[in-house]
Amino acid sequence: QIQPPVLQSHWNREADLLTKSVVIAMEAVEKNNKKLV
């Protein structure tokens, strides 16, 4: 079990946007997985 990255503001805008996207994607996958189970 891997925890999504902590949402914290980066000084690097691209890294910040990518982190938010990864968190959203991981939460969606986890939600869908729980629903399928």
PDB file of all heavy atoms in Angstrom:
ATOM      1  N   GLN A   1       0.858  -1.184   0.000  1.00  0.00           N
ATOM      2  CA  GLN A   1       0.000   0.000   0.000  1.00  0.00           C
ATOM      3  C   GLN A   1       0.890   1.229   0.000  1.00  0.00           C
ATOM      4  O   GLN A   1       1.695   1.429   0.888  1.00  0.00           O
ATOM      5  CB  GLN A   1      -0.906   0.015   1.230  1.00  0.00           C
ATOM      6  CG  GLN A   1      -2.152  -0.824   1.108  1.00  0.00           C
ATOM      7  CD  GLN A   1      -3.034  -0.384  -0.035  1.00  0.00           C
ATOM      8  OE1 GLN A   1      -2.939  -0.903  -1.132  1.00  0.00           O
ATOM      9  NE2 GLN A   1      -3.902   0.557   0.197  1.00  0.00           N
ATOM     10  N   ILE A   2       0.716   2.038  -0.989  1.00  0.00           N
ATOM     11  CA  ILE A   2       1.493   3.262  -1.096  1.00  0.00           C
ATOM     12  C   ILE A   2       0.565   4.435  -0.820  1.00  0.00           C
ATOM     13  O   ILE A   2      -0.565   4.449  -1.277  1.00  0.00           O
ATOM     14  CB  ILE A   2       2.173   3.363  -2.479  1.00  0.00           C
ATOM     15  CG1 ILE A   2       3.427   4.211  -2.412  1.00  0.00           C
ATOM     16  CG2 ILE A   2       1.315   3.971  -3.510  1.00  0.00           C
ATOM     17  CD1 ILE A   2       4.598   3.506  -1.957  1.00  0.00           C
ATOM     18  N   GLN A   3       1.008   5.368  -0.065  1.00  0.00           N
ATOM     19  CA  GLN A   3       0.212   6.546   0.231  1.00  0.00           C
ATOM     20  C   GLN A   3       0.425   7.578  -0.861  1.00  0.00           C
ATOM     21  O   GLN A   3       1.541   7.744  -1.347  1.00  0.00           O
ATOM     22  CB  GLN A   3       0.610   7.142   1.586  1.00  0.00           C
ATOM     23  CG  GLN A   3       0.332   6.225   2.749  1.00  0.00           C
ATOM     24  CD  GLN A   3      -1.155   5.957   2.918  1.00  0.00           C
ATOM     25  OE1 GLN A   3      -1.976   6.807   2.666  1.00  0.00           O
ATOM     26  NE2 GLN A   3      -1.490   4.753   3.328  1.00  0.00           N
ATOM     27  N   PRO A   4      -0.639   8.281  -1.241  1.00  0.00           N
ATOM     28  CA  PRO A   4      -0.455   9.350  -2.223  1.00  0.00           C
ATOM     29  C   PRO A   4       0.507  10.395  -1.679  1.00  0.00           C
ATOM     30  O   PRO A   4       0.639  10.569  -0.469  1.00  0.00           O
ATOM     31  CB  PRO A   4      -1.857   9.957  -2.382  1.00  0.00           C
ATOM     32  CG  PRO A   4      -2.790   8.950  -1.850  1.00  0.00           C
ATOM     33  CD  PRO A   4      -2.032   8.145  -0.836  1.00  0.00           C
ATOM     34  N   PRO A   5       1.197  11.099  -2.562  1.00  0.00           N
ATOM     35  CA  PRO A   5       2.110  12.129  -2.083  1.00  0.00           C
ATOM     36  C   PRO A   5       1.362  13.209  -1.313  1.00  0.00           C
ATOM     37  O   PRO A   5       0.187  13.458  -1.557  1.00  0.00           O
ATOM     38  CB  PRO A   5       2.724  12.702  -3.371  1.00  0.00           C
ATOM     39  CG  PRO A   5       1.926  12.169  -4.492  1.00  0.00           C
ATOM     40  CD  PRO A   5       1.137  11.009  -4.007  1.00  0.00           C
ATOM     41  N   VAL A   6       2.049  13.802  -0.376  1.00  0.00           N
ATOM     42  CA  VAL A   6       1.461  14.863   0.437  1.00  0.00           C
ATOM     43  C   VAL A   6       1.261  16.089  -0.442  1.00  0.00           C
ATOM     44  O   VAL A   6       2.157  16.481  -1.186  1.00  0.00           O
ATOM     45  CB  VAL A   6       2.384  15.202   1.626  1.00  0.00           C
ATOM     46  CG1 VAL A   6       1.822  16.351   2.430  1.00  0.00           C
ATOM     47  CG2 VAL A   6       2.598  13.979   2.486  1.00  0.00           C
ATOM     48  N   LEU A   7       0.053  16.651  -0.358  1.00  0.00           N
ATOM     49  CA  LEU A   7      -0.229  17.855  -1.131  1.00  0.00           C
ATOM     50  C   LEU A   7       0.386  19.051  -0.423  1.00  0.00           C
ATOM     51  O   LEU A   7      -0.087  19.485   0.618  1.00  0.00           O
ATOM     52  CB  LEU A   7      -1.734  18.071  -1.275  1.00  0.00           C
ATOM     53  CG  LEU A   7      -2.408  17.353  -2.418  1.00  0.00           C
ATOM     54  CD1 LEU A   7      -3.906  17.632  -2.404  1.00  0.00           C
ATOM     55  CD2 LEU A   7      -1.827  17.744  -3.746  1.00  0.00           C
ATOM     56  N   GLN A   8       1.452  19.520  -0.972  1.00  0.00           N
ATOM     57  CA  GLN A   8       2.074  20.723  -0.449  1.00  0.00           C
ATOM     58  C   GLN A   8       2.507  21.558  -1.635  1.00  0.00           C
ATOM     59  O   GLN A   8       2.824  21.025  -2.699  1.00  0.00           O
ATOM     60  CB  GLN A   8       3.276  20.386   0.434  1.00  0.00           C
ATOM     61  CG  GLN A   8       4.371  19.625  -0.284  1.00  0.00           C
ATOM     62  CD  GLN A   8       5.477  19.215   0.667  1.00  0.00           C
ATOM     63  OE1 GLN A   8       5.278  19.152   1.860  1.00  0.00           O
ATOM     64  NE2 GLN A   8       6.636  18.935   0.130  1.00  0.00           N
ATOM     65  N   SER A   9       2.481  22.834  -1.472  1.00  0.00           N
ATOM     66  CA  SER A   9       2.854  23.704  -2.576  1.00  0.00           C
ATOM     67  C   SER A   9       4.351  23.609  -2.835  1.00  0.00           C
ATOM     68  O   SER A   9       5.157  23.656  -1.905  1.00  0.00           O
ATOM     69  CB  SER A   9       2.476  25.144  -2.269  1.00  0.00           C
ATOM     70  OG  SER A   9       1.082  25.288  -2.259  1.00  0.00           O
ATOM     71  N   HIS A  10       4.687  23.430  -4.093  1.00  0.00           N
ATOM     72  CA  HIS A  10       6.084  23.414  -4.508  1.00  0.00           C
ATOM     73  C   HIS A  10       6.428  24.789  -5.041  1.00  0.00           C
ATOM     74  O   HIS A  10       5.584  25.496  -5.578  1.00  0.00           O
ATOM     75  CB  HIS A  10       6.306  22.394  -5.638  1.00  0.00           C
ATOM     76  CG  HIS A  10       6.192  20.977  -5.202  1.00  0.00           C
ATOM     77  ND1 HIS A  10       7.168  20.336  -4.495  1.00  0.00           N
ATOM     78  CD2 HIS A  10       5.215  20.060  -5.393  1.00  0.00           C
ATOM     79  CE1 HIS A  10       6.812  19.097  -4.266  1.00  0.00           C
ATOM     80  NE2 HIS A  10       5.618  18.899  -4.795  1.00  0.00           N
ATOM     81  N   TRP A  11       7.659  25.124  -4.937  1.00  0.00           N
ATOM     82  CA  TRP A  11       8.117  26.343  -5.576  1.00  0.00           C
ATOM     83  C   TRP A  11       8.142  26.141  -7.086  1.00  0.00           C
ATOM     84  O   TRP A  11       8.080  27.087  -7.850  1.00  0.00           O
ATOM     85  CB  TRP A  11       9.489  26.739  -5.060  1.00  0.00           C
ATOM     86  CG  TRP A  11      10.515  25.661  -5.262  1.00  0.00           C
ATOM     87  CD1 TRP A  11      10.824  24.664  -4.389  1.00  0.00           C
ATOM     88  CD2 TRP A  11      11.312  25.447  -6.411  1.00  0.00           C
ATOM     89  NE1 TRP A  11      11.770  23.839  -4.927  1.00  0.00           N
ATOM     90  CE2 TRP A  11      12.093  24.295  -6.180  1.00  0.00           C
ATOM     91  CE3 TRP A  11      11.448  26.108  -7.620  1.00  0.00           C
ATOM     92  CZ2 TRP A  11      12.991  23.804  -7.103  1.00  0.00           C
ATOM     93  CZ3 TRP A  11      12.354  25.613  -8.548  1.00  0.00           C
ATOM     94  CH2 TRP A  11      13.111  24.477  -8.284  1.00  0.00           C
ATOM     95  N   ASN A  12       8.185  24.868  -7.502  1.00  0.00           N
ATOM     96  CA  ASN A  12       8.199  24.514  -8.917  1.00  0.00           C
ATOM     97  C   ASN A  12       6.757  24.278  -9.357  1.00  0.00           C
ATOM     98  O   ASN A  12       6.125  23.310  -8.946  1.00  0.00           O
ATOM     99  CB  ASN A  12       9.052  23.267  -9.096  1.00  0.00           C
ATOM    100  CG  ASN A  12       9.241  22.876 -10.540  1.00  0.00           C
ATOM    101  OD1 ASN A  12       8.368  23.117 -11.370  1.00  0.00           O
ATOM    102  ND2 ASN A  12      10.369  22.260 -10.824  1.00  0.00           N
ATOM    103  N   ARG A  13       6.213  25.154 -10.165  1.00  0.00           N
ATOM    104  CA  ARG A  13       4.800  25.090 -10.571  1.00  0.00           C
ATOM    105  C   ARG A  13       4.463  23.778 -11.259  1.00  0.00           C
ATOM    106  O   ARG A  13       3.426  23.179 -11.006  1.00  0.00           O
ATOM    107  CB  ARG A  13       4.468  26.266 -11.486  1.00  0.00           C
ATOM    108  CG  ARG A  13       3.010  26.298 -11.907  1.00  0.00           C
ATOM    109  CD  ARG A  13       2.726  27.536 -12.758  1.00  0.00           C
ATOM    110  NE  ARG A  13       1.345  27.540 -13.178  1.00  0.00           N
ATOM    111  CZ  ARG A  13       0.915  26.985 -14.303  1.00  0.00           C
ATOM    112  NH1 ARG A  13       1.765  26.388 -15.109  1.00  0.00           N
ATOM    113  NH2 ARG A  13      -0.365  27.028 -14.634  1.00  0.00           N
ATOM    114  N   GLU A  14       5.324  23.296 -12.138  1.00  0.00           N
ATOM    115  CA  GLU A  14       5.065  22.059 -12.858  1.00  0.00           C
ATOM    116  C   GLU A  14       5.013  20.871 -11.902  1.00  0.00           C
ATOM    117  O   GLU A  14       4.161  19.992 -12.027  1.00  0.00           O
ATOM    118  CB  GLU A  14       6.127  21.830 -13.943  1.00  0.00           C
ATOM    119  CG  GLU A  14       6.029  22.771 -15.119  1.00  0.00           C
ATOM    120  CD  GLU A  14       6.635  24.145 -14.844  1.00  0.00           C
ATOM    121  OE1 GLU A  14       7.314  24.310 -13.813  1.00  0.00           O
ATOM    122  OE2 GLU A  14       6.397  25.054 -15.653  1.00  0.00           O
ATOM    123  N   ALA A  15       5.909  20.846 -10.936  1.00  0.00           N
ATOM    124  CA  ALA A  15       5.900  19.776  -9.944  1.00  0.00           C
ATOM    125  C   ALA A  15       4.635  19.834  -9.104  1.00  0.00           C
ATOM    126  O   ALA A  15       4.055  18.799  -8.760  1.00  0.00           O
ATOM    127  CB  ALA A  15       7.132  19.859  -9.051  1.00  0.00           C
ATOM    128  N   ASP A  16       4.186  21.027  -8.790  1.00  0.00           N
ATOM    129  CA  ASP A  16       2.959  21.200  -8.018  1.00  0.00           C
ATOM    130  C   ASP A  16       1.757  20.669  -8.791  1.00  0.00           C
ATOM    131  O   ASP A  16       0.937  19.919  -8.249  1.00  0.00           O
ATOM    132  CB  ASP A  16       2.779  22.684  -7.691  1.00  0.00           C
ATOM    133  CG  ASP A  16       1.716  22.941  -6.656  1.00  0.00           C
ATOM    134  OD1 ASP A  16       1.607  22.146  -5.703  1.00  0.00           O
ATOM    135  OD2 ASP A  16       0.985  23.935  -6.801  1.00  0.00           O
ATOM    136  N   LEU A  17       1.645  21.025 -10.060  1.00  0.00           N
ATOM    137  CA  LEU A  17       0.532  20.538 -10.888  1.00  0.00           C
ATOM    138  C   LEU A  17       0.585  19.026 -11.065  1.00  0.00           C
ATOM    139  O   LEU A  17      -0.447  18.342 -10.994  1.00  0.00           O
ATOM    140  CB  LEU A  17       0.550  21.225 -12.259  1.00  0.00           C
ATOM    141  CG  LEU A  17       0.228  22.711 -12.258  1.00  0.00           C
ATOM    142  CD1 LEU A  17       0.481  23.304 -13.646  1.00  0.00           C
ATOM    143  CD2 LEU A  17      -1.197  22.960 -11.833  1.00  0.00           C
ATOM    144  N   LEU A  18       1.780  18.495 -11.269  1.00  0.00           N
ATOM    145  CA  LEU A  18       1.923  17.058 -11.445  1.00  0.00           C
ATOM    146  C   LEU A  18       1.579  16.312 -10.157  1.00  0.00           C
ATOM    147  O   LEU A  18       0.918  15.265 -10.194  1.00  0.00           O
ATOM    148  CB  LEU A  18       3.338  16.722 -11.901  1.00  0.00           C
ATOM    149  CG  LEU A  18       3.611  15.277 -12.278  1.00  0.00           C
ATOM    150  CD1 LEU A  18       2.676  14.820 -13.393  1.00  0.00           C
ATOM    151  CD2 LEU A  18       5.059  15.094 -12.686  1.00  0.00           C
ATOM    152  N   THR A  19       1.984  16.843  -9.012  1.00  0.00           N
ATOM    153  CA  THR A  19       1.653  16.221  -7.732  1.00  0.00           C
ATOM    154  C   THR A  19       0.145  16.175  -7.530  1.00  0.00           C
ATOM    155  O   THR A  19      -0.408  15.140  -7.142  1.00  0.00           O
ATOM    156  CB  THR A  19       2.308  16.977  -6.560  1.00  0.00           C
ATOM    157  OG1 THR A  19       3.721  16.980  -6.744  1.00  0.00           O
ATOM    158  CG2 THR A  19       1.970  16.340  -5.223  1.00  0.00           C
ATOM    159  N   LYS A  20      -0.538  17.273  -7.818  1.00  0.00           N
ATOM    160  CA  LYS A  20      -1.995  17.300  -7.686  1.00  0.00           C
ATOM    161  C   LYS A  20      -2.653  16.292  -8.618  1.00  0.00           C
ATOM    162  O   LYS A  20      -3.597  15.602  -8.230  1.00  0.00           O
ATOM    163  CB  LYS A  20      -2.524  18.707  -7.953  1.00  0.00           C
ATOM    164  CG  LYS A  20      -2.184  19.694  -6.858  1.00  0.00           C
ATOM    165  CD  LYS A  20      -2.627  21.099  -7.190  1.00  0.00           C
ATOM    166  CE  LYS A  20      -2.188  22.067  -6.099  1.00  0.00           C
ATOM    167  NZ  LYS A  20      -2.487  23.452  -6.424  1.00  0.00           N
ATOM    168  N   SER A  21      -2.155  16.180  -9.829  1.00  0.00           N
ATOM    169  CA  SER A  21      -2.708  15.217 -10.785  1.00  0.00           C
ATOM    170  C   SER A  21      -2.493  13.783 -10.326  1.00  0.00           C
ATOM    171  O   SER A  21      -3.392  12.941 -10.438  1.00  0.00           O
ATOM    172  CB  SER A  21      -2.069  15.412 -12.159  1.00  0.00           C
ATOM    173  OG  SER A  21      -2.359  16.680 -12.667  1.00  0.00           O
ATOM    174  N   VAL A  22      -1.324  13.495  -9.793  1.00  0.00           N
ATOM    175  CA  VAL A  22      -1.027  12.147  -9.302  1.00  0.00           C
ATOM    176  C   VAL A  22      -1.937  11.802  -8.126  1.00  0.00           C
ATOM    177  O   VAL A  22      -2.478  10.695  -8.044  1.00  0.00           O
ATOM    178  CB  VAL A  22       0.465  12.012  -8.920  1.00  0.00           C
ATOM    179  CG1 VAL A  22       0.718  10.749  -8.128  1.00  0.00           C
ATOM    180  CG2 VAL A  22       1.332  12.035 -10.171  1.00  0.00           C
ATOM    181  N   VAL A  23      -2.134  12.741  -7.218  1.00  0.00           N
ATOM    182  CA  VAL A  23      -3.005  12.505  -6.061  1.00  0.00           C
ATOM    183  C   VAL A  23      -4.437  12.234  -6.521  1.00  0.00           C
ATOM    184  O   VAL A  23      -5.079  11.288  -6.054  1.00  0.00           O
ATOM    185  CB  VAL A  23      -2.954  13.693  -5.074  1.00  0.00           C
ATOM    186  CG1 VAL A  23      -4.054  13.598  -4.039  1.00  0.00           C
ATOM    187  CG2 VAL A  23      -1.598  13.763  -4.406  1.00  0.00           C
ATOM    188  N   ILE A  24      -4.936  13.027  -7.447  1.00  0.00           N
ATOM    189  CA  ILE A  24      -6.299  12.835  -7.957  1.00  0.00           C
ATOM    190  C   ILE A  24      -6.429  11.480  -8.623  1.00  0.00           C
ATOM    191  O   ILE A  24      -7.406  10.753  -8.407  1.00  0.00           O
ATOM    192  CB  ILE A  24      -6.677  13.985  -8.916  1.00  0.00           C
ATOM    193  CG1 ILE A  24      -6.858  15.285  -8.135  1.00  0.00           C
ATOM    194  CG2 ILE A  24      -7.940  13.650  -9.697  1.00  0.00           C
ATOM    195  CD1 ILE A  24      -6.951  16.530  -9.009  1.00  0.00           C
ATOM    196  N   ALA A  25      -5.448  11.113  -9.433  1.00  0.00           N
ATOM    197  CA  ALA A  25      -5.488   9.822 -10.126  1.00  0.00           C
ATOM    198  C   ALA A  25      -5.427   8.659  -9.143  1.00  0.00           C
ATOM    199  O   ALA A  25      -6.172   7.682  -9.278  1.00  0.00           O
ATOM    200  CB  ALA A  25      -4.341   9.733 -11.130  1.00  0.00           C
ATOM    201  N   MET A  26      -4.563   8.744  -8.144  1.00  0.00           N
ATOM    202  CA  MET A  26      -4.443   7.657  -7.166  1.00  0.00           C
ATOM    203  C   MET A  26      -5.721   7.515  -6.347  1.00  0.00           C
ATOM    204  O   MET A  26      -6.150   6.395  -6.054  1.00  0.00           O
ATOM    205  CB  MET A  26      -3.233   7.894  -6.253  1.00  0.00           C
ATOM    206  CG  MET A  26      -1.915   7.708  -6.955  1.00  0.00           C
ATOM    207  SD  MET A  26      -0.498   8.081  -5.915  1.00  0.00           S
ATOM    208  CE  MET A  26      -0.409   6.583  -4.926  1.00  0.00           C
ATOM    209  N   GLU A  27      -6.345   8.632  -5.979  1.00  0.00           N
ATOM    210  CA  GLU A  27      -7.604   8.566  -5.231  1.00  0.00           C
ATOM    211  C   GLU A  27      -8.709   7.958  -6.081  1.00  0.00           C
ATOM    212  O   GLU A  27      -9.514   7.164  -5.581  1.00  0.00           O
ATOM    213  CB  GLU A  27      -8.000   9.958  -4.746  1.00  0.00           C
ATOM    214  CG  GLU A  27      -7.129  10.468  -3.618  1.00  0.00           C
ATOM    215  CD  GLU A  27      -7.380  11.920  -3.260  1.00  0.00           C
ATOM    216  OE1 GLU A  27      -8.124  12.617  -3.993  1.00  0.00           O
ATOM    217  OE2 GLU A  27      -6.831  12.380  -2.241  1.00  0.00           O
ATOM    218  N   ALA A  28      -8.750   8.287  -7.369  1.00  0.00           N
ATOM    219  CA  ALA A  28      -9.764   7.715  -8.262  1.00  0.00           C
ATOM    220  C   ALA A  28      -9.564   6.216  -8.434  1.00  0.00           C
ATOM    221  O   ALA A  28     -10.531   5.445  -8.403  1.00  0.00           O
ATOM    222  CB  ALA A  28      -9.729   8.414  -9.617  1.00  0.00           C
ATOM    223  N   VAL A  29      -8.329   5.787  -8.589  1.00  0.00           N
ATOM    224  CA  VAL A  29      -8.045   4.357  -8.727  1.00  0.00           C
ATOM    225  C   VAL A  29      -8.441   3.615  -7.458  1.00  0.00           C
ATOM    226  O   VAL A  29      -9.055   2.546  -7.511  1.00  0.00           O
ATOM    227  CB  VAL A  29      -6.549   4.130  -9.070  1.00  0.00           C
ATOM    228  CG1 VAL A  29      -6.168   2.674  -8.902  1.00  0.00           C
ATOM    229  CG2 VAL A  29      -6.256   4.594 -10.480  1.00  0.00           C
ATOM    230  N   GLU A  30      -8.102   4.172  -6.310  1.00  0.00           N
ATOM    231  CA  GLU A  30      -8.445   3.535  -5.027  1.00  0.00           C
ATOM    232  C   GLU A  30      -9.963   3.446  -4.846  1.00  0.00           C
ATOM    233  O   GLU A  30     -10.492   2.424  -4.419  1.00  0.00           O
ATOM    234  CB  GLU A  30      -7.815   4.309  -3.873  1.00  0.00           C
ATOM    235  CG  GLU A  30      -7.964   3.636  -2.534  1.00  0.00           C
ATOM    236  CD  GLU A  30      -7.218   2.316  -2.451  1.00  0.00           C
ATOM    237  OE1 GLU A  30      -6.183   2.165  -3.105  1.00  0.00           O
ATOM    238  OE2 GLU A  30      -7.699   1.432  -1.718  1.00  0.00           O
ATOM    239  N   LYS A  31     -10.670   4.511  -5.176  1.00  0.00           N
ATOM    240  CA  LYS A  31     -12.134   4.526  -5.059  1.00  0.00           C
ATOM    241  C   LYS A  31     -12.761   3.479  -5.975  1.00  0.00           C
ATOM    242  O   LYS A  31     -13.636   2.717  -5.559  1.00  0.00           O
ATOM    243  CB  LYS A  31     -12.667   5.916  -5.406  1.00  0.00           C
ATOM    244  CG  LYS A  31     -14.170   6.041  -5.341  1.00  0.00           C
ATOM    245  CD  LYS A  31     -14.604   7.436  -5.748  1.00  0.00           C
ATOM    246  CE  LYS A  31     -16.120   7.517  -5.864  1.00  0.00           C
ATOM    247  NZ  LYS A  31     -16.553   8.818  -6.367  1.00  0.00           N
ATOM    248  N   ASN A  32     -12.297   3.424  -7.221  1.00  0.00           N
ATOM    249  CA  ASN A  32     -12.829   2.440  -8.164  1.00  0.00           C
ATOM    250  C   ASN A  32     -12.491   1.022  -7.743  1.00  0.00           C
ATOM    251  O   ASN A  32     -13.305   0.113  -7.903  1.00  0.00           O
ATOM    252  CB  ASN A  32     -12.307   2.715  -9.573  1.00  0.00           C
ATOM    253  CG  ASN A  32     -12.911   3.959 -10.174  1.00  0.00           C
ATOM    254  OD1 ASN A  32     -13.999   4.384  -9.792  1.00  0.00           O
ATOM    255  ND2 ASN A  32     -12.196   4.578 -11.099  1.00  0.00           N
ATOM    256  N   ASN A  33     -11.304   0.822  -7.192  1.00  0.00           N
ATOM    257  CA  ASN A  33     -10.905  -0.500  -6.727  1.00  0.00           C
ATOM    258  C   ASN A  33     -11.802  -0.970  -5.587  1.00  0.00           C
ATOM    259  O   ASN A  33     -12.250  -2.120  -5.564  1.00  0.00           O
ATOM    260  CB  ASN A  33      -9.438  -0.489  -6.300  1.00  0.00           C
ATOM    261  CG  ASN A  33      -8.914  -1.874  -6.011  1.00  0.00           C
ATOM    262  OD1 ASN A  33      -9.291  -2.833  -6.675  1.00  0.00           O
ATOM    263  ND2 ASN A  33      -8.050  -1.973  -5.030  1.00  0.00           N
ATOM    264  N   LYS A  34     -12.071  -0.080  -4.636  1.00  0.00           N
ATOM    265  CA  LYS A  34     -12.953  -0.435  -3.520  1.00  0.00           C
ATOM    266  C   LYS A  34     -14.355  -0.771  -4.017  1.00  0.00           C
ATOM    267  O   LYS A  34     -14.983  -1.715  -3.542  1.00  0.00           O
ATOM    268  CB  LYS A  34     -13.014   0.704  -2.498  1.00  0.00           C
ATOM    269  CG  LYS A  34     -11.771   0.825  -1.666  1.00  0.00           C
ATOM    270  CD  LYS A  34     -11.888   1.962  -0.670  1.00  0.00           C
ATOM    271  CE  LYS A  34     -10.609   2.095   0.131  1.00  0.00           C
ATOM    272  NZ  LYS A  34     -10.662   3.184   1.100  1.00  0.00           N
ATOM    273  N   LYS A  35     -14.823  -0.004  -4.982  1.00  0.00           N
ATOM    274  CA  LYS A  35     -16.155  -0.257  -5.536  1.00  0.00           C
ATOM    275  C   LYS A  35     -16.202  -1.615  -6.240  1.00  0.00           C
ATOM    276  O   LYS A  35     -17.162  -2.382  -6.070  1.00  0.00           O
ATOM    277  CB  LYS A  35     -16.535   0.856  -6.515  1.00  0.00           C
ATOM    278  CG  LYS A  35     -17.924   0.716  -7.089  1.00  0.00           C
ATOM    279  CD  LYS A  35     -18.249   1.860  -8.019  1.00  0.00           C
ATOM    280  CE  LYS A  35     -19.630   1.658  -8.635  1.00  0.00           C
ATOM    281  NZ  LYS A  35     -19.961   2.711  -9.584  1.00  0.00           N
ATOM    282  N   LEU A  36     -15.178  -1.940  -7.000  1.00  0.00           N
ATOM    283  CA  LEU A  36     -15.134  -3.225  -7.690  1.00  0.00           C
ATOM    284  C   LEU A  36     -15.062  -4.395  -6.713  1.00  0.00           C
ATOM    285  O   LEU A  36     -15.720  -5.423  -6.908  1.00  0.00           O
ATOM    286  CB  LEU A  36     -13.949  -3.274  -8.649  1.00  0.00           C
ATOM    287  CG  LEU A  36     -14.077  -2.432  -9.909  1.00  0.00           C
ATOM    288  CD1 LEU A  36     -12.759  -2.403 -10.669  1.00  0.00           C
ATOM    289  CD2 LEU A  36     -15.199  -2.947 -10.796  1.00  0.00           C
ATOM    290  N   VAL A  37     -14.281  -4.245  -5.654  1.00  0.00           N
ATOM    291  CA  VAL A  37     -14.191  -5.308  -4.641  1.00  0.00           C
ATOM    292  C   VAL A  37     -15.548  -5.503  -3.974  1.00  0.00           C
ATOM    293  O   VAL A  37     -15.995  -6.633  -3.768  1.00  0.00           O
ATOM    294  CB  VAL A  37     -13.091  -4.979  -3.606  1.00  0.00           C
ATOM    295  CG1 VAL A  37     -13.187  -5.893  -2.395  1.00  0.00           C
ATOM    296  CG2 VAL A  37     -11.722  -5.074  -4.247  1.00  0.00           C
TER     297      VAL A  37
END
